[in-house]
C-alpha atoms as a PDB file:
ATOM      1  CA  MET A   1     -17.674  -8.541 -16.856  1.00  0.00           C
ATOM      2  CA  ARG A   2     -15.507  -5.775 -15.471  1.00  0.00           C
ATOM      3  CA  LEU A   3     -11.853  -6.063 -14.534  1.00  0.00           C
ATOM      4  CA  HIS A   4     -10.747  -3.820 -11.666  1.00  0.00           C
ATOM      5  CA  LEU A   5      -6.983  -3.403 -11.322  1.00  0.00           C
ATOM      6  CA  VAL A   6      -5.968  -1.702  -8.087  1.00  0.00           C
ATOM      7  CA  ASP A   7      -2.678   0.015  -7.269  1.00  0.00           C
ATOM      8  CA  GLY A   8      -2.209  -1.480  -3.818  1.00  0.00           C
ATOM      9  CA  THR A   9       0.954   0.487  -3.074  1.00  0.00           C
ATOM     10  CA  TYR A  10      -0.861   3.769  -3.658  1.00  0.00           C
ATOM     11  CA  GLU A  11      -3.788   2.632  -1.503  1.00  0.00           C
ATOM     12  CA  LEU A  12      -1.414   1.622   1.283  1.00  0.00           C
ATOM     13  CA  PHE A  13       0.356   4.987   1.241  1.00  0.00           C
ATOM     14  CA  ARG A  14      -2.958   6.839   1.103  1.00  0.00           C
ATOM     15  CA  ALA A  15      -4.258   4.920   4.109  1.00  0.00           C
ATOM     16  CA  HIS A  16      -1.059   5.465   6.088  1.00  0.00           C
ATOM     17  CA  TYR A  17      -1.164   9.239   5.683  1.00  0.00           C
ATOM     18  CA  GLY A  18      -4.949   9.499   5.915  1.00  0.00           C
ATOM     19  CA  LYS A  19      -6.936  10.872   8.846  1.00  0.00           C
ATOM     20  CA  ARG A  20      -8.125   7.552  10.244  1.00  0.00           C
ATOM     21  CA  PRO A  21      -6.921   6.887  13.798  1.00  0.00           C
ATOM     22  CA  ASP A  22      -3.898   4.727  14.489  1.00  0.00           C
ATOM     23  CA  HIS A  23      -4.556   1.027  14.974  1.00  0.00           C
ATOM     24  CA  ALA A  24      -2.463  -1.783  16.413  1.00  0.00           C
ATOM     25  CA  ALA A  25      -2.672  -5.534  15.916  1.00  0.00           C
ATOM     26  CA  ALA A  26      -3.187  -7.905  18.822  1.00  0.00           C
ATOM     27  CA  ASP A  27       0.570  -8.007  19.376  1.00  0.00           C
ATOM     28  CA  GLY A  28       0.862  -4.206  19.371  1.00  0.00           C
ATOM     29  CA  THR A  29       2.228  -3.848  15.825  1.00  0.00           C
ATOM     30  CA  PRO A  30       0.992  -0.687  14.013  1.00  0.00           C
ATOM     31  CA  VAL A  31      -1.353  -1.660  11.162  1.00  0.00           C
ATOM     32  CA  LYS A  32      -3.241   1.537  10.368  1.00  0.00           C
ATOM     33  CA  ALA A  33      -2.225   1.509   6.700  1.00  0.00           C
ATOM     34  CA  THR A  34      -3.150  -2.140   6.209  1.00  0.00           C
ATOM     35  CA  VAL A  35      -6.573  -1.769   7.817  1.00  0.00           C
ATOM     36  CA  GLY A  36      -7.281   1.417   5.860  1.00  0.00           C
ATOM     37  CA  MET A  37      -6.230  -0.138   2.586  1.00  0.00           C
ATOM     38  CA  LEU A  38      -8.398  -3.202   3.139  1.00  0.00           C
ATOM     39  CA  THR A  39     -11.360  -1.086   4.213  1.00  0.00           C
ATOM     40  CA  SER A  40     -11.085   0.804   0.922  1.00  0.00           C
ATOM     41  CA  LEU A  41     -10.914  -2.486  -0.976  1.00  0.00           C
ATOM     42  CA  LEU A  42     -14.069  -3.797   0.687  1.00  0.00           C
ATOM     43  CA  GLN A  43     -15.805  -0.517  -0.122  1.00  0.00           C
ATOM     44  CA  LEU A  44     -14.865  -0.984  -3.761  1.00  0.00           C
ATOM     45  CA  ILE A  45     -16.142  -4.550  -3.850  1.00  0.00           C
ATOM     46  CA  SER A  46     -19.454  -3.598  -2.265  1.00  0.00           C
ATOM     47  CA  ASP A  47     -20.008  -0.460  -4.390  1.00  0.00           C
ATOM     48  CA  PRO A  48     -23.009  -1.148  -6.674  1.00  0.00           C
ATOM     49  CA  LYS A  49     -21.767   1.447  -9.155  1.00  0.00           C
ATOM     50  CA  GLU A  50     -18.488  -0.376  -9.675  1.00  0.00           C
ATOM     51  CA  GLN A  51     -20.071  -3.799 -10.302  1.00  0.00           C
ATOM     52  CA  VAL A  52     -16.899  -5.682  -9.436  1.00  0.00           C
ATOM     53  CA  THR A  53     -16.658  -9.128 -11.046  1.00  0.00           C
ATOM     54  CA  HIS A  54     -12.914  -9.623 -11.603  1.00  0.00           C
ATOM     55  CA  LEU A  55     -10.241  -8.048  -9.463  1.00  0.00           C
ATOM     56  CA  ALA A  56      -6.508  -7.923  -8.752  1.00  0.00           C
ATOM     57  CA  VAL A  57      -4.334  -5.742  -6.539  1.00  0.00           C
ATOM     58  CA  ALA A  58      -0.701  -5.011  -7.411  1.00  0.00           C
ATOM     59  CA  PHE A  59       2.035  -4.056  -4.950  1.00  0.00           C
ATOM     60  CA  ASP A  60       5.627  -2.855  -5.157  1.00  0.00           C
ATOM     61  CA  ASN A  61       7.411  -5.187  -2.767  1.00  0.00           C
ATOM     62  CA  PRO A  62      10.165  -4.118  -2.492  1.00  0.00           C
ATOM     63  CA  ILE A  63      10.149  -0.630  -4.055  1.00  0.00           C
ATOM     64  CA  ARG A  64      13.219  -1.182  -6.244  1.00  0.00           C
ATOM     65  CA  SER A  65      12.829  -2.661  -9.722  1.00  0.00           C
ATOM     66  CA  PHE A  66      14.807  -3.203 -12.930  1.00  0.00           C
ATOM     67  CA  ARG A  67      14.581   0.551 -13.528  1.00  0.00           C
ATOM     68  CA  ASN A  68      17.022   1.187 -10.689  1.00  0.00           C
ATOM     69  CA  GLN A  69      19.650  -0.607 -12.746  1.00  0.00           C
ATOM     70  CA  LEU A  70      19.005   1.779 -15.622  1.00  0.00           C
ATOM     71  CA  PHE A  71      19.067   5.047 -13.680  1.00  0.00           C
ATOM     72  CA  ALA A  72      20.682   5.692 -10.306  1.00  0.00           C
ATOM     73  CA  GLY A  73      18.200   8.410  -9.383  1.00  0.00           C
ATOM     74  CA  TYR A  74      15.129   6.252  -9.771  1.00  0.00           C
ATOM     75  CA  LYS A  75      12.847   5.858  -6.734  1.00  0.00           C
ATOM     76  CA  THR A  76      13.870   3.586  -3.862  1.00  0.00           C
ATOM     77  CA  GLU A  77      12.570   2.763  -0.408  1.00  0.00           C
ATOM     78  CA  GLU A  78      14.683   5.540   1.107  1.00  0.00           C
ATOM     79  CA  GLY A  79      12.577   8.014   3.024  1.00  0.00           C
ATOM     80  CA  ILE A  80       9.594   5.719   3.486  1.00  0.00           C
ATOM     81  CA  ASP A  81       8.255   5.723   7.038  1.00  0.00           C
ATOM     82  CA  PRO A  82       9.529   2.473   8.616  1.00  0.00           C
ATOM     83  CA  VAL A  83       6.095   1.917  10.190  1.00  0.00           C
ATOM     84  CA  LEU A  84       4.570   1.903   6.697  1.00  0.00           C
ATOM     85  CA  PHE A  85       7.361  -0.113   5.087  1.00  0.00           C
ATOM     86  CA  ALA A  86       6.977  -2.817   7.735  1.00  0.00           C
ATOM     87  CA  GLN A  87       3.385  -3.383   6.600  1.00  0.00           C
ATOM     88  CA  PHE A  88       4.111  -4.281   2.964  1.00  0.00           C
ATOM     89  CA  ASP A  89       4.060  -8.061   3.442  1.00  0.00           C
ATOM     90  CA  GLY A  90       1.101  -7.934   5.804  1.00  0.00           C
ATOM     91  CA  ALA A  91      -0.897  -5.809   3.381  1.00  0.00           C
ATOM     92  CA  GLU A  92      -0.528  -8.461   0.686  1.00  0.00           C
ATOM     93  CA  ALA A  93      -1.622 -11.150   3.148  1.00  0.00           C
ATOM     94  CA  ALA A  94      -4.652  -9.039   4.036  1.00  0.00           C
ATOM     95  CA  VAL A  95      -5.751  -8.770   0.407  1.00  0.00           C
ATOM     96  CA  ARG A  96      -5.372 -12.518  -0.080  1.00  0.00           C
ATOM     97  CA  ALA A  97      -7.421 -13.071   3.086  1.00  0.00           C
ATOM     98  CA  VAL A  98     -10.336 -11.241   1.519  1.00  0.00           C
ATOM     99  CA  GLY A  99     -10.209 -13.526  -1.526  1.00  0.00           C
ATOM    100  CA  VAL A 100      -8.540 -11.153  -3.988  1.00  0.00           C
ATOM    101  CA  THR A 101      -5.603 -11.951  -6.302  1.00  0.00           C
ATOM    102  CA  VAL A 102      -2.335 -10.228  -5.368  1.00  0.00           C
ATOM    103  CA  TRP A 103       0.442  -9.359  -7.788  1.00  0.00           C
ATOM    104  CA  SER A 104       3.587  -8.834  -5.710  1.00  0.00           C
ATOM    105  CA  MET A 105       6.207  -7.180  -7.889  1.00  0.00           C
ATOM    106  CA  ASP A 106       9.925  -7.240  -7.228  1.00  0.00           C
ATOM    107  CA  ARG A 107      11.754  -7.154 -10.562  1.00  0.00           C
ATOM    108  CA  TRP A 108       8.913  -5.166 -12.121  1.00  0.00           C
ATOM    109  CA  GLU A 109       6.661  -2.550 -10.537  1.00  0.00           C
ATOM    110  CA  ALA A 110       3.002  -2.633  -9.558  1.00  0.00           C
ATOM    111  CA  ASP A 111       2.252  -0.306 -12.473  1.00  0.00           C
ATOM    112  CA  ASP A 112       3.768  -2.840 -14.877  1.00  0.00           C
ATOM    113  CA  ALA A 113       1.433  -5.529 -13.531  1.00  0.00           C
ATOM    114  CA  LEU A 114      -1.557  -3.198 -13.960  1.00  0.00           C
ATOM    115  CA  ALA A 115      -0.466  -2.349 -17.505  1.00  0.00           C
ATOM    116  CA  THR A 116      -0.004  -6.033 -18.324  1.00  0.00           C
ATOM    117  CA  GLY A 117      -3.423  -6.948 -16.963  1.00  0.00           C
ATOM    118  CA  ALA A 118      -5.073  -4.180 -18.961  1.00  0.00           C
ATOM    119  CA  ALA A 119      -3.313  -5.153 -22.186  1.00  0.00           C
ATOM    120  CA  ARG A 120      -3.918  -8.879 -21.737  1.00  0.00           C
ATOM    121  CA  TRP A 121      -7.628  -8.872 -20.906  1.00  0.00           C
ATOM    122  CA  ALA A 122      -9.080  -5.671 -22.378  1.00  0.00           C
ATOM    123  CA  GLY A 123     -10.587  -7.642 -25.241  1.00  0.00           C
ATOM    124  CA  GLU A 124     -12.272 -10.176 -22.946  1.00  0.00           C
ATOM    125  CA  VAL A 125     -14.201  -7.909 -20.589  1.00  0.00           C
ATOM    126  CA  GLU A 126     -16.675  -5.093 -20.910  1.00  0.00           C
ATOM    127  CA  GLN A 127     -14.242  -2.656 -19.340  1.00  0.00           C
ATOM    128  CA  VAL A 128     -10.887  -2.540 -17.552  1.00  0.00           C
ATOM    129  CA  ARG A 129     -10.821  -0.020 -14.716  1.00  0.00           C
ATOM    130  CA  ILE A 130      -7.348   0.925 -13.447  1.00  0.00           C
ATOM    131  CA  LEU A 131      -7.714   2.382  -9.985  1.00  0.00           C
ATOM    132  CA  THR A 132      -4.878   4.837  -9.388  1.00  0.00           C
ATOM    133  CA  PRO A 133      -4.288   8.557  -9.972  1.00  0.00           C
ATOM    134  CA  ASP A 134      -0.706   7.958 -11.163  1.00  0.00           C
ATOM    135  CA  LYS A 135      -0.065   9.879 -14.367  1.00  0.00           C
ATOM    136  CA  ASP A 136       1.956   7.099 -16.013  1.00  0.00           C
ATOM    137  CA  LEU A 137      -1.078   4.768 -16.167  1.00  0.00           C
ATOM    138  CA  GLY A 138      -2.627   7.152 -18.671  1.00  0.00           C
ATOM    139  CA  GLN A 139      -0.616   5.353 -21.348  1.00  0.00           C
ATOM    140  CA  CYS A 140      -2.825   2.284 -20.836  1.00  0.00           C
ATOM    141  CA  ILE A 141      -6.123   4.015 -21.623  1.00  0.00           C
ATOM    142  CA  VAL A 142      -7.961   2.727 -24.706  1.00  0.00           C
ATOM    143  CA  GLY A 143     -11.146   4.511 -25.748  1.00  0.00           C
ATOM    144  CA  LYS A 144     -13.755   3.723 -23.129  1.00  0.00           C
ATOM    145  CA  ARG A 145     -12.626   0.103 -22.891  1.00  0.00           C
ATOM    146  CA  VAL A 146      -9.642   0.774 -20.592  1.00  0.00           C
ATOM    147  CA  VAL A 147     -10.123   3.730 -18.244  1.00  0.00           C
ATOM    148  CA  GLN A 148      -8.306   5.206 -15.274  1.00  0.00           C
ATOM    149  CA  VAL A 149     -10.197   5.875 -12.060  1.00  0.00           C
ATOM    150  CA  ASP A 150      -9.223   8.198  -9.224  1.00  0.00           C
ATOM    151  CA  ARG A 151     -11.572   7.091  -6.455  1.00  0.00           C
ATOM    152  CA  MET A 152     -10.499   9.770  -4.002  1.00  0.00           C
ATOM    153  CA  ARG A 153     -11.433  12.573  -6.401  1.00  0.00           C
ATOM    154  CA  GLN A 154     -14.249  10.543  -7.997  1.00  0.00           C
ATOM    155  CA  LYS A 155     -12.806  11.005 -11.477  1.00  0.00           C
ATOM    156  CA  GLU A 156     -12.912   8.592 -14.385  1.00  0.00           C
ATOM    157  CA  ILE A 157     -10.693   9.281 -17.388  1.00  0.00           C
ATOM    158  CA  ASP A 158     -11.225   7.659 -20.772  1.00  0.00           C
ATOM    159  CA  GLU A 159      -9.221   8.440 -23.894  1.00  0.00           C
ATOM    160  CA  GLU A 160     -11.237  11.520 -24.776  1.00  0.00           C
ATOM    161  CA  GLY A 161     -10.910  12.739 -21.205  1.00  0.00           C
ATOM    162  CA  LEU A 162      -7.146  12.197 -21.223  1.00  0.00           C
ATOM    163  CA  VAL A 163      -6.745  14.318 -24.351  1.00  0.00           C
ATOM    164  CA  ALA A 164      -8.836  17.032 -22.727  1.00  0.00           C
ATOM    165  CA  LEU A 165      -6.799  16.823 -19.514  1.00  0.00           C
ATOM    166  CA  ARG A 166      -3.254  16.392 -20.825  1.00  0.00           C
ATOM    167  CA  GLY A 167      -3.529  17.556 -24.439  1.00  0.00           C
ATOM    168  CA  ILE A 168      -2.027  14.305 -25.763  1.00  0.00           C
ATOM    169  CA  LYS A 169      -3.100  10.760 -26.568  1.00  0.00           C
ATOM    170  CA  PRO A 170      -2.200   7.757 -24.399  1.00  0.00           C
ATOM    171  CA  ALA A 171       0.723   6.685 -26.604  1.00  0.00           C
ATOM    172  CA  SER A 172       2.527   9.965 -25.872  1.00  0.00           C
ATOM    173  CA  ILE A 173       2.331   9.768 -22.078  1.00  0.00           C
ATOM    174  CA  PRO A 174       5.813   8.170 -21.632  1.00  0.00           C
ATOM    175  CA  ASP A 175       7.338  10.827 -23.910  1.00  0.00           C
ATOM    176  CA  TRP A 176       5.492  13.573 -22.004  1.00  0.00           C
ATOM    177  CA  LEU A 177       6.758  12.301 -18.655  1.00  0.00           C
ATOM    178  CA  ALA A 178      10.277  12.023 -20.086  1.00  0.00           C
ATOM    179  CA  LEU A 179      10.200  15.727 -20.900  1.00  0.00           C
ATOM    180  CA  THR A 180       8.347  17.046 -17.849  1.00  0.00           C
ATOM    181  CA  GLY A 181       9.733  14.568 -15.330  1.00  0.00           C
ATOM    182  CA  ASP A 182       7.917  12.571 -12.671  1.00  0.00           C
ATOM    183  CA  ASP A 183       8.874  13.462  -9.104  1.00  0.00           C
ATOM    184  CA  ALA A 184       7.071  10.448  -7.660  1.00  0.00           C
ATOM    185  CA  ASP A 185       9.378   8.087  -9.561  1.00  0.00           C
ATOM    186  CA  GLY A 186      12.569  10.121  -9.440  1.00  0.00           C
ATOM    187  CA  VAL A 187      12.547  11.007 -13.157  1.00  0.00           C
ATOM    188  CA  PRO A 188      13.957  14.557 -13.490  1.00  0.00           C
ATOM    189  CA  GLY A 189      12.829  15.407 -17.028  1.00  0.00           C
ATOM    190  CA  LEU A 190      14.498  18.075 -19.177  1.00  0.00           C
ATOM    191  CA  ALA A 191      15.068  21.595 -17.910  1.00  0.00           C
ATOM    192  CA  GLY A 192      12.436  24.121 -18.992  1.00  0.00           C
ATOM    193  CA  PHE A 193       9.802  21.696 -20.196  1.00  0.00           C
ATOM    194  CA  GLY A 194       6.456  22.079 -18.471  1.00  0.00           C
ATOM    195  CA  ALA A 195       3.239  20.142 -18.903  1.00  0.00           C
ATOM    196  CA  LYS A 196       1.845  22.539 -21.517  1.00  0.00           C
ATOM    197  CA  SER A 197       4.964  22.966 -23.639  1.00  0.00           C
ATOM    198  CA  ALA A 198       5.655  19.221 -23.700  1.00  0.00           C
ATOM    199  CA  ALA A 199       2.036  18.471 -24.574  1.00  0.00           C
ATOM    200  CA  ALA A 200       1.970  21.036 -27.377  1.00  0.00           C
ATOM    201  CA  VAL A 201       5.032  19.525 -29.038  1.00  0.00           C
ATOM    202  CA  LEU A 202       3.901  15.920 -28.592  1.00  0.00           C
ATOM    203  CA  ALA A 203       0.357  16.656 -29.752  1.00  0.00           C
ATOM    204  CA  LYS A 204       1.915  17.388 -33.130  1.00  0.00           C
ATOM    205  CA  PHE A 205       4.857  14.972 -33.229  1.00  0.00           C
ATOM    206  CA  GLU A 206       3.624  12.201 -30.866  1.00  0.00           C
ATOM    207  CA  HIS A 207       7.056  10.802 -29.914  1.00  0.00           C
ATOM    208  CA  LEU A 208      10.481  12.179 -29.001  1.00  0.00           C
ATOM    209  CA  GLU A 209      12.247  10.939 -32.102  1.00  0.00           C
ATOM    210  CA  ASN A 210       9.767  12.797 -34.322  1.00  0.00           C
ATOM    211  CA  ILE A 211      10.398  16.202 -32.726  1.00  0.00           C
ATOM    212  CA  PRO A 212      12.632  18.228 -35.083  1.00  0.00           C
ATOM    213  CA  ASP A 213      15.666  20.167 -33.868  1.00  0.00           C
ATOM    214  CA  ASP A 214      14.433  23.241 -35.736  1.00  0.00           C
ATOM    215  CA  PRO A 215      12.070  25.162 -33.417  1.00  0.00           C
ATOM    216  CA  LYS A 216      10.518  26.892 -36.430  1.00  0.00           C
ATOM    217  CA  LEU A 217       8.769  23.592 -37.153  1.00  0.00           C
ATOM    218  CA  TRP A 218       7.297  23.439 -33.651  1.00  0.00           C
ATOM    219  CA  PRO A 219       3.774  24.647 -32.881  1.00  0.00           C
ATOM    220  CA  ALA A 220       3.621  28.420 -32.548  1.00  0.00           C
ATOM    221  CA  THR A 221       1.980  28.058 -29.118  1.00  0.00           C
ATOM    222  CA  VAL A 222       5.178  26.738 -27.503  1.00  0.00           C
ATOM    223  CA  ARG A 223       6.793  29.477 -25.456  1.00  0.00           C
ATOM    224  CA  GLY A 224      10.582  29.578 -25.474  1.00  0.00           C
ATOM    225  CA  ALA A 225      10.693  27.100 -28.354  1.00  0.00           C
ATOM    226  CA  GLU A 226      14.266  27.991 -29.354  1.00  0.00           C
ATOM    227  CA  ARG A 227      15.594  27.390 -25.850  1.00  0.00           C
ATOM    228  CA  LEU A 228      13.624  24.157 -25.423  1.00  0.00           C
ATOM    229  CA  ALA A 229      14.729  22.897 -28.844  1.00  0.00           C
ATOM    230  CA  ARG A 230      18.380  23.433 -27.890  1.00  0.00           C
ATOM    231  CA  THR A 231      17.824  21.609 -24.624  1.00  0.00           C
ATOM    232  CA  LEU A 232      16.207  18.650 -26.360  1.00  0.00           C
ATOM    233  CA  ALA A 233      18.825  18.527 -29.123  1.00  0.00           C
ATOM    234  CA  GLY A 234      21.579  18.315 -26.518  1.00  0.00           C
ATOM    235  CA  SER A 235      19.799  15.768 -24.339  1.00  0.00           C
ATOM    236  CA  ARG A 236      18.014  13.380 -26.681  1.00  0.00           C
ATOM    237  CA  GLU A 237      19.742  10.281 -25.345  1.00  0.00           C
ATOM    238  CA  LEU A 238      18.824  11.293 -21.822  1.00  0.00           C
ATOM    239  CA  ALA A 239      15.216  11.918 -22.860  1.00  0.00           C
ATOM    240  CA  VAL A 240      15.039   8.471 -24.440  1.00  0.00           C
ATOM    241  CA  LEU A 241      16.364   6.962 -21.200  1.00  0.00           C
ATOM    242  CA  TYR A 242      13.711   8.813 -19.207  1.00  0.00           C
ATOM    243  CA  ARG A 243      11.070   7.492 -21.593  1.00  0.00           C
ATOM    244  CA  LEU A 244      12.347   3.972 -21.021  1.00  0.00           C
ATOM    245  CA  LEU A 245      11.814   4.549 -17.298  1.00  0.00           C
ATOM    246  CA  THR A 246       8.282   5.889 -17.744  1.00  0.00           C
ATOM    247  CA  ARG A 247       7.107   3.375 -20.369  1.00  0.00           C
ATOM    248  CA  LEU A 248       5.243   0.566 -18.629  1.00  0.00           C
ATOM    249  CA  VAL A 249       5.902  -3.108 -19.308  1.00  0.00           C
ATOM    250  CA  THR A 250       2.899  -4.926 -20.763  1.00  0.00           C
ATOM    251  CA  ASP A 251       4.217  -8.488 -20.782  1.00  0.00           C
ATOM    252  CA  VAL A 252       4.940  -9.218 -17.128  1.00  0.00           C
ATOM    253  CA  PRO A 253       4.598 -13.030 -16.742  1.00  0.00           C
ATOM    254  CA  LEU A 254       1.480 -13.013 -14.577  1.00  0.00           C
ATOM    255  CA  PRO A 255       0.453 -16.655 -14.003  1.00  0.00           C
ATOM    256  CA  GLU A 256      -3.309 -16.104 -13.614  1.00  0.00           C
ATOM    257  CA  THR A 257      -6.050 -16.556 -16.165  1.00  0.00           C
ATOM    258  CA  LEU A 258      -8.954 -14.127 -16.325  1.00  0.00           C
ATOM    259  CA  ASP A 259     -11.134 -16.642 -14.515  1.00  0.00           C
ATOM    260  CA  ASP A 260      -8.598 -16.754 -11.687  1.00  0.00           C
ATOM    261  CA  LEU A 261      -9.342 -13.063 -11.115  1.00  0.00           C
ATOM    262  CA  ARG A 262     -13.066 -13.608 -10.631  1.00  0.00           C
ATOM    263  CA  TRP A 263     -14.007 -12.493  -7.143  1.00  0.00           C
ATOM    264  CA  ARG A 264     -15.872 -15.339  -5.470  1.00  0.00           C
ATOM    265  CA  GLY A 265     -16.493 -13.751  -2.088  1.00  0.00           C
ATOM    266  CA  VAL A 266     -14.675 -13.373   1.215  1.00  0.00           C
ATOM    267  CA  PRO A 267     -13.391 -16.752   2.435  1.00  0.00           C
ATOM    268  CA  ASP A 268     -14.702 -17.130   5.969  1.00  0.00           C
ATOM    269  CA  LYS A 269     -11.910 -18.675   7.992  1.00  0.00           C
ATOM    270  CA  PRO A 270      -8.839 -16.946   6.473  1.00  0.00           C
ATOM    271  CA  PHE A 271     -10.442 -13.549   6.839  1.00  0.00           C
ATOM    272  CA  ASP A 272     -11.816 -14.185  10.309  1.00  0.00           C
ATOM    273  CA  ASP A 273      -8.390 -15.371  11.438  1.00  0.00           C
ATOM    274  CA  TRP A 274      -6.799 -12.292   9.940  1.00  0.00           C
ATOM    275  CA  CYS A 275      -9.317  -9.986  11.671  1.00  0.00           C
ATOM    276  CA  ALA A 276      -8.609 -11.647  15.011  1.00  0.00           C
ATOM    277  CA  GLN A 277      -4.873 -11.252  14.501  1.00  0.00           C
ATOM    278  CA  LEU A 278      -5.233  -7.559  13.695  1.00  0.00           C
ATOM    279  CA  ASN A 279      -7.884  -6.911  16.350  1.00  0.00           C
ATOM    280  CA  ILE A 280     -10.509  -5.466  13.981  1.00  0.00           C
ATOM    281  CA  SER A 281     -14.000  -6.739  14.685  1.00  0.00           C
ATOM    282  CA  GLY A 282     -15.568  -3.851  12.766  1.00  0.00           C
ATOM    283  CA  LEU A 283     -13.938  -4.907   9.531  1.00  0.00           C
ATOM    284  CA  ARG A 284     -15.219  -8.444  10.043  1.00  0.00           C
ATOM    285  CA  GLU A 285     -18.761  -7.048  10.208  1.00  0.00           C
ATOM    286  CA  ARG A 286     -18.211  -5.109   6.986  1.00  0.00           C
ATOM    287  CA  ALA A 287     -16.934  -8.265   5.290  1.00  0.00           C
ATOM    288  CA  LEU A 288     -20.013 -10.167   6.476  1.00  0.00           C
ATOM    289  CA  ARG A 289     -22.188  -7.616   4.679  1.00  0.00           C
ATOM    290  CA  VAL A 290     -20.073  -7.964   1.553  1.00  0.00           C
ATOM    291  CA  ARG A 291     -20.428 -11.759   1.725  1.00  0.00           C
ATOM    292  CA  THR A 292     -24.180 -11.419   1.941  1.00  0.00           C
ATOM    293  CA  GLU A 293     -24.368  -8.921  -0.892  1.00  0.00           C
ATOM    294  CA  GLY A 294     -22.032 -11.059  -2.995  1.00  0.00           C
END
């Protein structure tokens, strides 16, 4: 058994800004992002290399979460193309129409649902595959049992690969993002810290609270250690807050069991009705092939 956990919000954004032509539903509503996202999902399900058996897709709907109450600068829906934002509910309906479990997050974020799913079921499946390039999901990686997959770049990252890529282990990812910042989520980080300097310090000390104020105790490879040490010493509370923002929740109350996530094929009528509504006969043909292969 394999558990595939998909970042639906990322897939929706990727489809919206991708090169595929615009598409409108039968009533004229723009649905390019929704159709692109669902096409990608059907490609995943039918990919013999992925061997999909259990599957869930998580969405941010709306964008705001409990983190906005902790930090005013955290990401919001501001700046999102209204054409894309208007498709959030329809995208979830589309995924359900193809027979896949949807986790629609409001208080929490899609990433929290993915992290919860990985933590909850890693011991019950051969492998958990988290499908998103987002850096914060690196904290969920466990050996080769829980891996992160960037389908667009055809990259798979296990724990050894993460250390090679980032220079730190999964447990240090929230601390690393707290220092370097995460533009996608509105986390500013601490001034002067880059990916390499933050990784060098955390590779030795693992977490923020273990990093000494004395730069002489830092690894010799850290450039500008004295300046960075002063910055951290004067901003530790802020760094801890940023880590709280970047640390994913692993106990979101998802109601499903693992068996509920088993993909049992495309349900004929719901999907056919959805295809008619969105005026996409080609996607219906693709789903028919998936049904047959399934």
